[in-house]
Amino acid sequence: MFDRDCRACARLAGFLDTVKVRNPGYYCGPVPPFGDPSARFLIVGLAPGMHGANRTGRPFTGDHAGILLYQMLHKYGFASAAESVASDDGLVLQRCRITNAVKCLPPDNKPVGAEINACNAFLAAELQALPADSVVLALGGIAHRAILKALGARQADFVFAHAALHRPGHIRLFDSYHCSRYNTNTGRLTVNMFDAIFAELRQLLDK
């Protein structure tokens, strides 16, 4: 399960130490999952953002990537508020949980393969704890592939594509482009596209 004191990846641990010196008020550690532990809906992102989860200690909280995500979570009844700015802001997730494929901030937001693999056991434990027929939303291709690895599924059998629905193992895996600033600013992921993802997710979970 999650380990707040994990320093298994020397590059990430050293980078966090450096960031902590420059930003002593930042969380700067492995970021735990957030939300309802018994939820049937799990969102998997890539890794904490420098000035978001790495600062606040809560996934997608306080950074640009979380703006659209929490708006949709609130709109579709999964969050008590539409904005997530701090770990103590009172926001509560309802029947939903958020985690990352890599729990520590990587340099340039780019974890290497060995780091993704080292963190995969934590994700595997989270997925194993999900009830049968739960829905998992992968935000981006790296999260998608990490989920498949954690499930022991063949990557070639479940190719990432925006709005694709897969059924590896005991879960239903739904793909979306990541709600990063780059994707939203370039139009690769629009508000309407992300809204459509959550509308379908809500239907899947309500059946």
N, C-alpha and C. Protein backbone atom coordinates (compact mmCIF):
# COMPACT_ATOMS: atom_id res chain seq x y z
N MET A 1 0.84 -1.20 0.00
CA MET A 1 0.00 0.00 0.00
C MET A 1 0.88 1.25 0.00
N PHE A 2 0.23 2.41 0.04
CA PHE A 2 0.95 3.68 -0.05
C PHE A 2 1.98 3.84 1.06
N ASP A 3 3.15 4.40 0.69
CA ASP A 3 4.24 4.60 1.65
C ASP A 3 4.69 6.06 1.59
N ARG A 4 4.32 6.84 2.59
CA ARG A 4 4.66 8.26 2.61
C ARG A 4 6.17 8.48 2.66
N ASP A 5 6.91 7.53 3.17
CA ASP A 5 8.35 7.67 3.33
C ASP A 5 9.16 6.98 2.24
N CYS A 6 8.50 6.54 1.17
CA CYS A 6 9.20 5.82 0.10
C CYS A 6 10.27 6.71 -0.55
N ARG A 7 11.47 6.15 -0.69
CA ARG A 7 12.57 6.81 -1.41
C ARG A 7 13.25 5.80 -2.34
N ALA A 8 12.44 4.93 -2.92
CA ALA A 8 12.97 3.84 -3.74
C ALA A 8 13.65 4.34 -5.01
N CYS A 9 13.22 5.48 -5.52
CA CYS A 9 13.78 6.02 -6.76
C CYS A 9 14.75 7.15 -6.43
N ALA A 10 16.04 6.89 -6.57
CA ALA A 10 17.06 7.85 -6.15
C ALA A 10 16.92 9.19 -6.87
N ARG A 11 16.62 9.16 -8.16
CA ARG A 11 16.50 10.40 -8.92
C ARG A 11 15.35 11.24 -8.38
N LEU A 12 14.20 10.63 -8.14
CA LEU A 12 13.04 11.35 -7.65
C LEU A 12 13.25 11.85 -6.23
N ALA A 13 13.82 11.01 -5.37
CA ALA A 13 14.06 11.40 -3.98
C ALA A 13 15.01 12.59 -3.92
N GLY A 14 16.06 12.55 -4.73
CA GLY A 14 17.01 13.66 -4.76
C GLY A 14 16.39 14.93 -5.30
N PHE A 15 15.56 14.79 -6.31
CA PHE A 15 14.90 15.96 -6.89
C PHE A 15 13.95 16.59 -5.87
N LEU A 16 13.20 15.77 -5.15
CA LEU A 16 12.30 16.29 -4.13
C LEU A 16 13.07 17.03 -3.03
N ASP A 17 14.23 16.50 -2.66
CA ASP A 17 15.06 17.17 -1.66
C ASP A 17 15.47 18.57 -2.14
N THR A 18 15.83 18.66 -3.41
CA THR A 18 16.24 19.94 -3.99
C THR A 18 15.07 20.92 -4.03
N VAL A 19 13.90 20.43 -4.44
CA VAL A 19 12.71 21.28 -4.51
C VAL A 19 12.32 21.76 -3.12
N LYS A 20 12.46 20.90 -2.12
CA LYS A 20 12.10 21.25 -0.75
C LYS A 20 12.99 22.38 -0.21
N VAL A 21 14.26 22.37 -0.59
CA VAL A 21 15.17 23.43 -0.16
C VAL A 21 14.72 24.76 -0.74
N ARG A 22 14.32 24.75 -2.02
CA ARG A 22 13.88 25.99 -2.67
C ARG A 22 12.49 26.41 -2.21
N ASN A 23 11.67 25.42 -1.81
CA ASN A 23 10.28 25.70 -1.43
C ASN A 23 9.98 24.99 -0.11
N PRO A 24 10.46 25.50 1.00
CA PRO A 24 10.32 24.80 2.28
C PRO A 24 8.89 24.56 2.73
N GLY A 25 7.94 25.31 2.19
CA GLY A 25 6.55 25.12 2.57
C GLY A 25 5.81 24.07 1.75
N TYR A 26 6.50 23.51 0.75
CA TYR A 26 5.87 22.53 -0.13
C TYR A 26 5.83 21.15 0.55
N TYR A 27 4.88 20.33 0.13
CA TYR A 27 4.72 18.96 0.64
C TYR A 27 5.94 18.11 0.30
N CYS A 28 6.32 18.06 -0.97
CA CYS A 28 7.55 17.41 -1.45
C CYS A 28 7.72 15.99 -0.93
N GLY A 29 6.80 15.12 -1.27
CA GLY A 29 6.90 13.72 -0.92
C GLY A 29 5.95 12.91 -1.78
N PRO A 30 5.94 11.59 -1.61
CA PRO A 30 4.95 10.78 -2.32
C PRO A 30 3.54 11.25 -1.95
N VAL A 31 2.73 11.54 -2.96
CA VAL A 31 1.39 12.08 -2.74
C VAL A 31 0.39 10.92 -2.62
N PRO A 32 -0.36 10.86 -1.53
CA PRO A 32 -1.30 9.76 -1.33
C PRO A 32 -2.54 9.89 -2.20
N PRO A 33 -3.24 8.79 -2.42
CA PRO A 33 -4.55 8.87 -3.10
C PRO A 33 -5.49 9.74 -2.28
N PHE A 34 -6.49 10.27 -2.96
CA PHE A 34 -7.46 11.15 -2.32
C PHE A 34 -8.87 10.71 -2.68
N GLY A 35 -9.76 10.63 -1.69
CA GLY A 35 -11.15 10.36 -1.96
C GLY A 35 -11.72 9.21 -1.16
N ASP A 36 -12.83 8.69 -1.64
CA ASP A 36 -13.59 7.65 -0.98
C ASP A 36 -12.88 6.30 -1.15
N PRO A 37 -12.41 5.68 -0.06
CA PRO A 37 -11.69 4.41 -0.19
C PRO A 37 -12.55 3.25 -0.69
N SER A 38 -13.87 3.39 -0.63
CA SER A 38 -14.74 2.30 -1.11
C SER A 38 -15.36 2.62 -2.47
N ALA A 39 -14.87 3.66 -3.13
CA ALA A 39 -15.45 4.09 -4.40
C ALA A 39 -15.28 3.05 -5.51
N ARG A 40 -16.21 3.06 -6.44
CA ARG A 40 -16.15 2.22 -7.63
C ARG A 40 -15.61 3.00 -8.83
N PHE A 41 -15.14 4.21 -8.60
CA PHE A 41 -14.63 5.07 -9.66
C PHE A 41 -13.26 5.60 -9.23
N LEU A 42 -12.22 5.21 -9.97
CA LEU A 42 -10.85 5.64 -9.68
C LEU A 42 -10.30 6.38 -10.88
N ILE A 43 -9.74 7.56 -10.63
CA ILE A 43 -9.06 8.35 -11.66
C ILE A 43 -7.56 8.21 -11.46
N VAL A 44 -6.84 7.90 -12.54
CA VAL A 44 -5.39 7.72 -12.45
C VAL A 44 -4.71 8.76 -13.35
N GLY A 45 -3.96 9.66 -12.74
CA GLY A 45 -3.17 10.63 -13.48
C GLY A 45 -1.75 10.15 -13.67
N LEU A 46 -0.89 11.05 -14.13
CA LEU A 46 0.50 10.68 -14.39
C LEU A 46 1.35 10.77 -13.12
N ALA A 47 1.52 12.00 -12.61
CA ALA A 47 2.38 12.24 -11.44
C ALA A 47 2.03 13.60 -10.86
N PRO A 48 2.43 13.88 -9.63
CA PRO A 48 2.16 15.20 -9.05
C PRO A 48 2.80 16.32 -9.86
N GLY A 49 2.12 17.47 -9.95
CA GLY A 49 2.69 18.65 -10.58
C GLY A 49 3.53 19.44 -9.59
N MET A 50 4.53 20.13 -10.12
CA MET A 50 5.47 20.87 -9.27
C MET A 50 4.77 21.81 -8.28
N HIS A 51 3.86 22.63 -8.78
CA HIS A 51 3.22 23.63 -7.93
C HIS A 51 1.77 23.26 -7.61
N GLY A 52 1.41 22.03 -7.92
CA GLY A 52 0.08 21.53 -7.60
C GLY A 52 0.16 20.52 -6.47
N ALA A 53 0.02 19.24 -6.81
CA ALA A 53 0.03 18.19 -5.78
C ALA A 53 1.34 18.14 -5.00
N ASN A 54 2.45 18.44 -5.66
CA ASN A 54 3.73 18.45 -4.93
C ASN A 54 3.78 19.56 -3.89
N ARG A 55 3.01 20.61 -4.11
CA ARG A 55 2.94 21.70 -3.14
C ARG A 55 1.90 21.43 -2.05
N THR A 56 0.75 20.92 -2.46
CA THR A 56 -0.38 20.79 -1.54
C THR A 56 -0.50 19.43 -0.88
N GLY A 57 0.08 18.38 -1.52
CA GLY A 57 -0.04 17.04 -0.97
C GLY A 57 -1.33 16.35 -1.32
N ARG A 58 -2.07 16.87 -2.31
CA ARG A 58 -3.33 16.24 -2.74
C ARG A 58 -3.38 16.22 -4.27
N PRO A 59 -3.75 15.10 -4.88
CA PRO A 59 -3.73 14.99 -6.35
C PRO A 59 -4.54 16.09 -7.04
N PHE A 60 -3.94 16.68 -8.06
CA PHE A 60 -4.59 17.67 -8.92
C PHE A 60 -5.11 18.89 -8.15
N THR A 61 -4.50 19.20 -7.04
CA THR A 61 -4.97 20.30 -6.21
C THR A 61 -4.00 21.47 -6.27
N GLY A 62 -4.51 22.62 -6.72
CA GLY A 62 -3.71 23.83 -6.74
C GLY A 62 -2.94 24.05 -8.02
N ASP A 63 -3.23 23.29 -9.07
CA ASP A 63 -2.54 23.52 -10.34
C ASP A 63 -3.53 23.57 -11.50
N HIS A 64 -3.02 23.90 -12.68
CA HIS A 64 -3.89 24.08 -13.84
C HIS A 64 -4.59 22.79 -14.23
N ALA A 65 -3.90 21.67 -14.15
CA ALA A 65 -4.49 20.39 -14.57
C ALA A 65 -5.73 20.04 -13.77
N GLY A 66 -5.80 20.53 -12.53
CA GLY A 66 -6.95 20.22 -11.69
C GLY A 66 -8.17 21.07 -11.94
N ILE A 67 -8.00 22.19 -12.65
CA ILE A 67 -9.13 23.10 -12.85
C ILE A 67 -10.29 22.40 -13.55
N LEU A 68 -10.01 21.87 -14.74
CA LEU A 68 -11.07 21.21 -15.52
C LEU A 68 -11.53 19.92 -14.85
N LEU A 69 -10.60 19.18 -14.26
CA LEU A 69 -10.96 17.91 -13.62
C LEU A 69 -11.97 18.13 -12.50
N TYR A 70 -11.70 19.06 -11.60
CA TYR A 70 -12.62 19.25 -10.47
C TYR A 70 -13.93 19.91 -10.90
N GLN A 71 -13.89 20.69 -11.96
CA GLN A 71 -15.15 21.23 -12.49
C GLN A 71 -16.07 20.09 -12.93
N MET A 72 -15.48 19.11 -13.63
CA MET A 72 -16.29 17.99 -14.10
C MET A 72 -16.71 17.08 -12.96
N LEU A 73 -15.83 16.86 -12.01
CA LEU A 73 -16.19 16.03 -10.86
C LEU A 73 -17.37 16.65 -10.11
N HIS A 74 -17.36 17.95 -9.97
CA HIS A 74 -18.47 18.62 -9.29
C HIS A 74 -19.75 18.58 -10.12
N LYS A 75 -19.62 18.84 -11.40
CA LYS A 75 -20.79 18.86 -12.28
C LYS A 75 -21.51 17.52 -12.28
N TYR A 76 -20.76 16.43 -12.22
CA TYR A 76 -21.37 15.10 -12.31
C TYR A 76 -21.54 14.42 -10.95
N GLY A 77 -21.44 15.19 -9.88
CA GLY A 77 -21.80 14.69 -8.56
C GLY A 77 -20.74 13.92 -7.82
N PHE A 78 -19.47 14.06 -8.23
CA PHE A 78 -18.40 13.33 -7.57
C PHE A 78 -17.61 14.18 -6.57
N ALA A 79 -17.79 15.49 -6.59
CA ALA A 79 -17.03 16.38 -5.70
C ALA A 79 -17.97 17.41 -5.10
N SER A 80 -17.67 17.80 -3.87
CA SER A 80 -18.52 18.75 -3.15
C SER A 80 -18.30 20.19 -3.60
N ALA A 81 -17.25 20.45 -4.36
CA ALA A 81 -16.98 21.80 -4.87
C ALA A 81 -16.34 21.69 -6.24
N ALA A 82 -16.38 22.79 -6.99
CA ALA A 82 -15.86 22.80 -8.35
C ALA A 82 -14.42 23.27 -8.43
N GLU A 83 -13.83 23.61 -7.30
CA GLU A 83 -12.46 24.12 -7.29
C GLU A 83 -11.68 23.48 -6.15
N SER A 84 -10.47 23.06 -6.44
CA SER A 84 -9.60 22.44 -5.44
C SER A 84 -8.31 23.24 -5.35
N VAL A 85 -8.12 23.97 -4.24
CA VAL A 85 -6.99 24.88 -4.13
C VAL A 85 -5.99 24.50 -3.04
N ALA A 86 -6.43 23.75 -2.03
CA ALA A 86 -5.55 23.37 -0.92
C ALA A 86 -6.07 22.10 -0.28
N SER A 87 -5.18 21.38 0.38
CA SER A 87 -5.58 20.11 0.99
C SER A 87 -6.55 20.29 2.16
N ASP A 88 -6.62 21.51 2.70
CA ASP A 88 -7.53 21.78 3.82
C ASP A 88 -8.70 22.68 3.42
N ASP A 89 -9.06 22.67 2.12
CA ASP A 89 -10.14 23.56 1.66
C ASP A 89 -11.53 22.99 1.87
N GLY A 90 -11.62 21.79 2.44
CA GLY A 90 -12.91 21.20 2.76
C GLY A 90 -13.55 20.41 1.64
N LEU A 91 -12.93 20.37 0.47
CA LEU A 91 -13.50 19.62 -0.65
C LEU A 91 -13.53 18.13 -0.33
N VAL A 92 -14.65 17.49 -0.66
CA VAL A 92 -14.83 16.06 -0.41
C VAL A 92 -15.19 15.37 -1.71
N LEU A 93 -14.56 14.25 -1.98
CA LEU A 93 -14.95 13.44 -3.14
C LEU A 93 -16.00 12.43 -2.72
N GLN A 94 -16.99 12.25 -3.58
CA GLN A 94 -18.12 11.37 -3.29
C GLN A 94 -18.14 10.23 -4.30
N ARG A 95 -17.97 9.00 -3.81
CA ARG A 95 -17.96 7.81 -4.67
C ARG A 95 -16.89 7.90 -5.76
N CYS A 96 -15.78 8.53 -5.42
CA CYS A 96 -14.69 8.73 -6.37
C CYS A 96 -13.37 8.81 -5.62
N ARG A 97 -12.30 8.43 -6.30
CA ARG A 97 -10.97 8.45 -5.71
C ARG A 97 -9.98 8.85 -6.81
N ILE A 98 -8.95 9.58 -6.43
CA ILE A 98 -7.94 10.03 -7.40
C ILE A 98 -6.56 9.59 -6.93
N THR A 99 -5.76 9.09 -7.87
CA THR A 99 -4.38 8.72 -7.57
C THR A 99 -3.52 9.03 -8.79
N ASN A 100 -2.24 8.70 -8.70
CA ASN A 100 -1.32 8.88 -9.82
C ASN A 100 -0.52 7.61 -10.07
N ALA A 101 -0.11 7.42 -11.32
CA ALA A 101 0.71 6.26 -11.67
C ALA A 101 2.06 6.35 -10.97
N VAL A 102 2.59 7.56 -10.84
CA VAL A 102 3.84 7.81 -10.12
C VAL A 102 3.52 8.78 -8.99
N LYS A 103 3.88 8.43 -7.77
CA LYS A 103 3.45 9.19 -6.61
C LYS A 103 4.32 10.41 -6.30
N CYS A 104 5.53 10.48 -6.88
CA CYS A 104 6.44 11.59 -6.61
C CYS A 104 6.62 12.48 -7.84
N LEU A 105 6.87 13.75 -7.59
CA LEU A 105 7.15 14.71 -8.66
C LEU A 105 8.40 14.32 -9.43
N PRO A 106 8.30 14.13 -10.77
CA PRO A 106 9.50 13.87 -11.57
C PRO A 106 10.02 15.16 -12.21
N PRO A 107 11.31 15.25 -12.47
CA PRO A 107 11.84 16.41 -13.19
C PRO A 107 11.15 16.59 -14.54
N ASP A 108 10.76 17.82 -14.85
CA ASP A 108 10.11 18.14 -16.12
C ASP A 108 8.82 17.35 -16.35
N ASN A 109 8.21 16.87 -15.25
CA ASN A 109 6.97 16.08 -15.34
C ASN A 109 7.13 14.83 -16.18
N LYS A 110 8.34 14.27 -16.23
CA LYS A 110 8.60 13.11 -17.08
C LYS A 110 9.28 12.01 -16.28
N PRO A 111 8.51 11.10 -15.71
CA PRO A 111 9.13 9.94 -15.04
C PRO A 111 9.74 9.01 -16.07
N VAL A 112 10.81 8.33 -15.69
CA VAL A 112 11.42 7.34 -16.59
C VAL A 112 10.77 5.99 -16.32
N GLY A 113 11.01 5.05 -17.22
CA GLY A 113 10.35 3.75 -17.12
C GLY A 113 10.60 3.03 -15.81
N ALA A 114 11.83 3.10 -15.31
CA ALA A 114 12.16 2.41 -14.05
C ALA A 114 11.36 2.99 -12.89
N GLU A 115 11.09 4.29 -12.92
CA GLU A 115 10.32 4.94 -11.85
C GLU A 115 8.84 4.55 -11.93
N ILE A 116 8.32 4.49 -13.14
CA ILE A 116 6.94 4.04 -13.32
C ILE A 116 6.78 2.61 -12.83
N ASN A 117 7.77 1.77 -13.15
CA ASN A 117 7.72 0.37 -12.73
C ASN A 117 7.85 0.24 -11.22
N ALA A 118 8.74 1.04 -10.61
CA ALA A 118 8.94 0.96 -9.16
C ALA A 118 7.69 1.34 -8.40
N CYS A 119 6.90 2.25 -8.96
CA CYS A 119 5.70 2.72 -8.29
C CYS A 119 4.47 1.87 -8.62
N ASN A 120 4.64 0.92 -9.53
CA ASN A 120 3.49 0.18 -10.02
C ASN A 120 2.83 -0.71 -8.97
N ALA A 121 3.60 -1.15 -7.99
CA ALA A 121 3.03 -2.01 -6.94
C ALA A 121 1.98 -1.26 -6.13
N PHE A 122 2.19 0.04 -5.92
CA PHE A 122 1.21 0.84 -5.19
C PHE A 122 -0.09 0.93 -5.99
N LEU A 123 0.03 1.16 -7.30
CA LEU A 123 -1.15 1.23 -8.16
C LEU A 123 -1.84 -0.13 -8.23
N ALA A 124 -1.07 -1.21 -8.29
CA ALA A 124 -1.66 -2.54 -8.34
C ALA A 124 -2.50 -2.82 -7.10
N ALA A 125 -2.01 -2.38 -5.94
CA ALA A 125 -2.77 -2.58 -4.69
C ALA A 125 -4.06 -1.77 -4.72
N GLU A 126 -4.01 -0.56 -5.27
CA GLU A 126 -5.22 0.27 -5.36
C GLU A 126 -6.24 -0.37 -6.29
N LEU A 127 -5.77 -0.89 -7.42
CA LEU A 127 -6.69 -1.51 -8.37
C LEU A 127 -7.27 -2.81 -7.82
N GLN A 128 -6.45 -3.57 -7.13
CA GLN A 128 -6.91 -4.83 -6.56
C GLN A 128 -8.01 -4.61 -5.53
N ALA A 129 -7.97 -3.48 -4.86
CA ALA A 129 -8.96 -3.18 -3.82
C ALA A 129 -10.29 -2.72 -4.38
N LEU A 130 -10.34 -2.44 -5.68
CA LEU A 130 -11.59 -1.97 -6.27
C LEU A 130 -12.62 -3.09 -6.36
N PRO A 131 -13.90 -2.78 -6.12
CA PRO A 131 -14.95 -3.78 -6.33
C PRO A 131 -15.02 -4.20 -7.79
N ALA A 132 -15.55 -5.37 -8.04
CA ALA A 132 -15.70 -5.86 -9.41
C ALA A 132 -16.54 -4.89 -10.23
N ASP A 133 -16.14 -4.73 -11.50
CA ASP A 133 -16.84 -3.88 -12.46
C ASP A 133 -16.74 -2.39 -12.14
N SER A 134 -15.74 -2.02 -11.35
CA SER A 134 -15.47 -0.60 -11.13
C SER A 134 -15.00 0.05 -12.42
N VAL A 135 -15.04 1.38 -12.45
CA VAL A 135 -14.61 2.15 -13.61
C VAL A 135 -13.34 2.89 -13.25
N VAL A 136 -12.32 2.75 -14.10
CA VAL A 136 -11.05 3.45 -13.91
C VAL A 136 -10.83 4.37 -15.10
N LEU A 137 -10.60 5.64 -14.83
CA LEU A 137 -10.32 6.62 -15.87
C LEU A 137 -8.83 6.88 -15.93
N ALA A 138 -8.21 6.57 -17.07
CA ALA A 138 -6.79 6.83 -17.28
C ALA A 138 -6.64 8.18 -17.96
N LEU A 139 -5.93 9.08 -17.30
CA LEU A 139 -5.66 10.39 -17.90
C LEU A 139 -4.30 10.34 -18.60
N GLY A 140 -4.34 10.01 -19.87
CA GLY A 140 -3.13 9.93 -20.67
C GLY A 140 -2.60 8.53 -20.86
N GLY A 141 -1.72 8.40 -21.85
CA GLY A 141 -1.20 7.10 -22.23
C GLY A 141 -0.32 6.45 -21.18
N ILE A 142 0.47 7.23 -20.45
CA ILE A 142 1.33 6.63 -19.43
C ILE A 142 0.50 6.02 -18.31
N ALA A 143 -0.52 6.74 -17.88
CA ALA A 143 -1.42 6.19 -16.85
C ALA A 143 -2.11 4.93 -17.36
N HIS A 144 -2.56 4.96 -18.60
CA HIS A 144 -3.22 3.80 -19.23
C HIS A 144 -2.30 2.58 -19.18
N ARG A 145 -1.05 2.76 -19.60
CA ARG A 145 -0.12 1.63 -19.65
C ARG A 145 0.25 1.16 -18.25
N ALA A 146 0.35 2.08 -17.30
CA ALA A 146 0.66 1.69 -15.93
C ALA A 146 -0.46 0.86 -15.33
N ILE A 147 -1.70 1.21 -15.65
CA ILE A 147 -2.85 0.44 -15.17
C ILE A 147 -2.81 -0.98 -15.73
N LEU A 148 -2.55 -1.10 -17.02
CA LEU A 148 -2.50 -2.43 -17.63
C LEU A 148 -1.38 -3.27 -17.02
N LYS A 149 -0.23 -2.65 -16.80
CA LYS A 149 0.89 -3.37 -16.17
C LYS A 149 0.49 -3.84 -14.78
N ALA A 150 -0.16 -2.97 -14.03
CA ALA A 150 -0.57 -3.31 -12.67
C ALA A 150 -1.58 -4.46 -12.64
N LEU A 151 -2.36 -4.57 -13.70
CA LEU A 151 -3.35 -5.63 -13.80
C LEU A 151 -2.78 -6.91 -14.41
N GLY A 152 -1.56 -6.83 -14.93
CA GLY A 152 -0.98 -7.99 -15.60
C GLY A 152 -1.58 -8.23 -16.96
N ALA A 153 -2.13 -7.18 -17.59
CA ALA A 153 -2.77 -7.31 -18.90
C ALA A 153 -1.78 -7.00 -20.02
N ARG A 154 -2.02 -7.58 -21.18
CA ARG A 154 -1.15 -7.34 -22.35
C ARG A 154 -1.42 -5.96 -22.93
N GLN A 155 -0.36 -5.16 -23.08
CA GLN A 155 -0.51 -3.81 -23.63
C GLN A 155 -1.12 -3.84 -25.04
N ALA A 156 -0.71 -4.81 -25.84
CA ALA A 156 -1.16 -4.86 -27.23
C ALA A 156 -2.66 -5.12 -27.34
N ASP A 157 -3.26 -5.66 -26.30
CA ASP A 157 -4.69 -5.99 -26.36
C ASP A 157 -5.58 -4.79 -26.02
N PHE A 158 -4.99 -3.74 -25.47
CA PHE A 158 -5.78 -2.59 -25.01
C PHE A 158 -5.02 -1.31 -25.35
N VAL A 159 -5.21 -0.83 -26.57
CA VAL A 159 -4.46 0.33 -27.06
C VAL A 159 -5.12 1.62 -26.60
N PHE A 160 -4.31 2.55 -26.10
CA PHE A 160 -4.84 3.83 -25.64
C PHE A 160 -5.45 4.63 -26.78
N ALA A 161 -6.64 5.18 -26.55
CA ALA A 161 -7.27 6.11 -27.49
C ALA A 161 -8.29 6.93 -26.71
N HIS A 162 -8.35 8.20 -26.97
CA HIS A 162 -9.29 9.05 -26.24
C HIS A 162 -10.71 8.53 -26.39
N ALA A 163 -11.41 8.40 -25.27
CA ALA A 163 -12.80 7.93 -25.18
C ALA A 163 -12.96 6.44 -25.43
N ALA A 164 -11.85 5.70 -25.47
CA ALA A 164 -11.94 4.25 -25.64
C ALA A 164 -12.30 3.59 -24.31
N LEU A 165 -13.08 2.52 -24.39
CA LEU A 165 -13.47 1.75 -23.21
C LEU A 165 -12.92 0.33 -23.36
N HIS A 166 -12.21 -0.12 -22.34
CA HIS A 166 -11.60 -1.45 -22.34
C HIS A 166 -12.10 -2.24 -21.13
N ARG A 167 -11.92 -3.56 -21.18
CA ARG A 167 -12.31 -4.41 -20.05
C ARG A 167 -11.19 -5.38 -19.69
N PRO A 168 -10.10 -4.84 -19.12
CA PRO A 168 -9.03 -5.73 -18.65
C PRO A 168 -9.32 -6.20 -17.23
N GLY A 169 -9.31 -7.48 -17.03
CA GLY A 169 -9.52 -8.00 -15.68
C GLY A 169 -10.89 -7.67 -15.12
N HIS A 170 -10.93 -7.25 -13.85
CA HIS A 170 -12.20 -7.06 -13.14
C HIS A 170 -12.74 -5.63 -13.24
N ILE A 171 -12.07 -4.77 -14.02
CA ILE A 171 -12.48 -3.37 -14.11
C ILE A 171 -12.88 -2.99 -15.53
N ARG A 172 -13.48 -1.82 -15.65
CA ARG A 172 -13.72 -1.19 -16.95
C ARG A 172 -12.78 0.01 -17.02
N LEU A 173 -11.92 0.04 -18.03
CA LEU A 173 -10.91 1.08 -18.18
C LEU A 173 -11.33 2.05 -19.28
N PHE A 174 -11.44 3.32 -18.90
CA PHE A 174 -11.86 4.37 -19.83
C PHE A 174 -10.68 5.32 -20.02
N ASP A 175 -10.41 5.69 -21.28
CA ASP A 175 -9.26 6.54 -21.59
C ASP A 175 -9.67 7.98 -21.89
N SER A 176 -8.81 8.91 -21.48
CA SER A 176 -8.96 10.31 -21.88
C SER A 176 -7.58 10.92 -22.04
N TYR A 177 -7.49 11.89 -22.94
CA TYR A 177 -6.29 12.71 -22.94
C TYR A 177 -6.17 13.37 -21.57
N HIS A 178 -4.94 13.60 -21.14
CA HIS A 178 -4.70 14.23 -19.85
C HIS A 178 -5.19 15.69 -19.89
N CYS A 179 -5.74 16.14 -18.76
CA CYS A 179 -6.27 17.51 -18.69
C CYS A 179 -5.16 18.50 -18.33
N SER A 180 -4.01 18.35 -18.94
CA SER A 180 -2.87 19.23 -18.70
C SER A 180 -3.06 20.56 -19.41
N ARG A 181 -2.29 21.55 -18.98
CA ARG A 181 -2.34 22.86 -19.62
C ARG A 181 -2.02 22.75 -21.12
N TYR A 182 -1.02 21.93 -21.45
CA TYR A 182 -0.64 21.79 -22.86
C TYR A 182 -1.81 21.28 -23.69
N ASN A 183 -2.49 20.24 -23.23
CA ASN A 183 -3.58 19.65 -24.00
C ASN A 183 -4.79 20.58 -24.10
N THR A 184 -5.11 21.28 -23.02
CA THR A 184 -6.28 22.17 -23.06
C THR A 184 -5.97 23.45 -23.85
N ASN A 185 -4.75 23.96 -23.74
CA ASN A 185 -4.40 25.18 -24.47
C ASN A 185 -4.29 24.95 -25.96
N THR A 186 -3.87 23.75 -26.37
CA THR A 186 -3.71 23.46 -27.80
C THR A 186 -5.00 22.95 -28.43
N GLY A 187 -6.01 22.67 -27.60
CA GLY A 187 -7.26 22.17 -28.13
C GLY A 187 -7.29 20.67 -28.35
N ARG A 188 -6.22 20.00 -27.97
CA ARG A 188 -6.24 18.54 -28.09
C ARG A 188 -7.33 17.96 -27.20
N LEU A 189 -7.53 18.58 -26.05
CA LEU A 189 -8.63 18.21 -25.16
C LEU A 189 -9.46 19.46 -24.90
N THR A 190 -10.70 19.47 -25.36
CA THR A 190 -11.58 20.61 -25.14
C THR A 190 -12.50 20.33 -23.96
N VAL A 191 -13.14 21.39 -23.48
CA VAL A 191 -14.10 21.23 -22.38
C VAL A 191 -15.21 20.26 -22.79
N ASN A 192 -15.70 20.40 -24.01
CA ASN A 192 -16.78 19.52 -24.47
C ASN A 192 -16.33 18.07 -24.56
N MET A 193 -15.10 17.84 -24.97
CA MET A 193 -14.59 16.47 -25.05
C MET A 193 -14.50 15.86 -23.66
N PHE A 194 -14.01 16.63 -22.70
CA PHE A 194 -13.87 16.11 -21.34
C PHE A 194 -15.24 15.92 -20.69
N ASP A 195 -16.14 16.82 -20.98
CA ASP A 195 -17.52 16.71 -20.47
C ASP A 195 -18.16 15.43 -20.98
N ALA A 196 -17.94 15.11 -22.25
CA ALA A 196 -18.52 13.89 -22.83
C ALA A 196 -17.97 12.64 -22.15
N ILE A 197 -16.68 12.67 -21.78
CA ILE A 197 -16.09 11.56 -21.04
C ILE A 197 -16.83 11.33 -19.73
N PHE A 198 -17.06 12.41 -18.99
CA PHE A 198 -17.70 12.28 -17.68
C PHE A 198 -19.18 11.93 -17.80
N ALA A 199 -19.83 12.38 -18.85
CA ALA A 199 -21.22 11.99 -19.06
C ALA A 199 -21.33 10.49 -19.26
N GLU A 200 -20.39 9.93 -20.03
CA GLU A 200 -20.43 8.47 -20.26
C GLU A 200 -20.04 7.71 -19.00
N LEU A 201 -19.06 8.24 -18.28
CA LEU A 201 -18.66 7.60 -17.01
C LEU A 201 -19.83 7.56 -16.03
N ARG A 202 -20.55 8.66 -15.94
CA ARG A 202 -21.70 8.72 -15.03
C ARG A 202 -22.73 7.68 -15.40
N GLN A 203 -22.97 7.49 -16.70
CA GLN A 203 -23.92 6.47 -17.16
C GLN A 203 -23.42 5.07 -16.83
N LEU A 204 -22.12 4.82 -17.04
CA LEU A 204 -21.57 3.51 -16.73
C LEU A 204 -21.74 3.17 -15.26
N LEU A 205 -21.47 4.14 -14.42
CA LEU A 205 -21.53 3.89 -12.98
C LEU A 205 -22.95 3.79 -12.47
N ASP A 206 -23.89 4.43 -13.15
CA ASP A 206 -25.27 4.42 -12.70
C ASP A 206 -26.04 3.18 -13.15
N LYS A 207 -25.48 2.43 -14.13
CA LYS A 207 -26.18 1.24 -14.61
C LYS A 207 -26.21 0.16 -13.53
